[in-house]
């Protein structure tokens, strides 16, 4: 088991062109990653369809078993800040 913990900056994306691009990406990507979002959201313009951009600033990988927590943990931090 190797858990991954990610700390992110988040922002809502309201740009309709970007919503359409991501909609098509999900629709045209084969399962199990892709799916047809119309089943849940009808169309990209629908008020309930939203995009949340996640920009990681810290990623922690933990390996089990490990001799110690410190030896089993790898951390990446974006030095440019959050």
Protein backbone atom coordinates (compact mmCIF):
# COMPACT_ATOMS: atom_id res chain seq x y z
CA UNK A 1 0.00 0.00 0.00
CA UNK A 2 1.33 3.42 -0.94
CA UNK A 3 -0.91 6.31 0.09
CA UNK A 4 -0.50 9.67 -1.60
CA UNK A 5 -1.48 12.93 0.07
CA UNK A 6 -1.78 16.08 -2.02
CA UNK A 7 -2.23 19.65 -0.78
CA UNK A 8 -3.61 21.90 -3.52
CA UNK A 9 -4.65 25.40 -4.38
CA UNK A 10 -8.17 25.26 -5.83
CA UNK A 11 -10.08 27.53 -8.14
CA UNK A 12 -13.41 27.33 -9.94
CA UNK A 13 -13.19 27.54 -13.73
CA UNK A 14 -16.09 29.44 -15.31
CA UNK A 15 -14.72 29.73 -18.86
CA UNK A 16 -17.23 28.01 -21.19
CA UNK A 17 -14.57 27.04 -23.76
CA UNK A 18 -12.57 25.28 -21.04
CA UNK A 19 -15.72 23.55 -19.76
CA UNK A 20 -16.43 22.29 -23.29
CA UNK A 21 -12.83 21.11 -23.71
CA UNK A 22 -12.92 19.10 -20.48
CA UNK A 23 -16.41 17.79 -21.30
CA UNK A 24 -15.11 16.42 -24.62
CA UNK A 25 -12.01 15.03 -22.92
CA UNK A 26 -14.11 12.99 -20.47
CA UNK A 27 -16.57 11.91 -23.17
CA UNK A 28 -13.85 10.79 -25.62
CA UNK A 29 -11.56 9.08 -23.10
CA UNK A 30 -12.11 5.32 -22.83
CA UNK A 31 -13.37 3.82 -19.58
CA UNK A 32 -12.49 3.53 -16.76
CA UNK A 33 -11.19 7.13 -16.81
CA UNK A 34 -13.66 8.55 -19.30
CA UNK A 35 -17.45 8.69 -19.19
CA UNK A 36 -20.32 10.63 -20.73
CA UNK A 37 -20.96 13.59 -18.39
CA UNK A 38 -24.36 14.21 -20.02
CA UNK A 39 -25.83 11.51 -17.78
CA UNK A 40 -25.21 13.75 -14.77
CA UNK A 41 -24.92 17.31 -16.10
CA UNK A 42 -26.92 17.40 -19.37
CA UNK A 43 -24.57 19.85 -21.17
CA UNK A 44 -21.45 21.94 -20.47
CA UNK A 45 -23.58 25.08 -20.15
CA UNK A 46 -25.73 23.58 -17.37
CA UNK A 47 -25.57 25.48 -14.08
CA UNK A 48 -24.67 22.31 -12.14
CA UNK A 49 -21.62 21.51 -14.29
CA UNK A 50 -18.53 23.02 -12.70
CA UNK A 51 -14.80 22.59 -13.03
CA UNK A 52 -12.49 22.78 -10.06
CA UNK A 53 -8.81 23.21 -10.94
CA UNK A 54 -6.45 21.57 -8.45
CA UNK A 55 -2.88 22.89 -8.49
CA UNK A 56 -0.66 20.87 -6.14
CA UNK A 57 1.85 22.67 -3.97
CA UNK A 58 2.80 19.66 -1.78
CA UNK A 59 2.75 15.92 -2.52
CA UNK A 60 3.60 13.25 0.05
CA UNK A 61 4.19 9.59 -0.86
CA UNK A 62 4.20 7.06 1.96
CA UNK A 63 5.57 3.52 1.52
CA UNK A 64 4.66 0.58 3.75
CA UNK A 65 6.44 -1.25 5.24
CA UNK A 66 9.46 0.95 5.88
CA UNK A 67 12.12 0.93 8.60
CA UNK A 68 10.80 4.30 9.83
CA UNK A 69 8.17 6.86 8.90
CA UNK A 70 10.90 9.24 7.75
CA UNK A 71 12.54 6.62 5.49
CA UNK A 72 9.16 5.60 4.06
CA UNK A 73 8.05 9.13 3.24
CA UNK A 74 8.93 11.23 0.21
CA UNK A 75 7.73 14.83 0.00
CA UNK A 76 7.71 17.20 -2.95
CA UNK A 77 7.01 20.88 -2.31
CA UNK A 78 6.63 23.56 -4.96
CA UNK A 79 9.29 26.01 -3.89
CA UNK A 80 7.50 28.90 -5.63
CA UNK A 81 4.86 28.80 -2.90
CA UNK A 82 1.15 28.25 -2.83
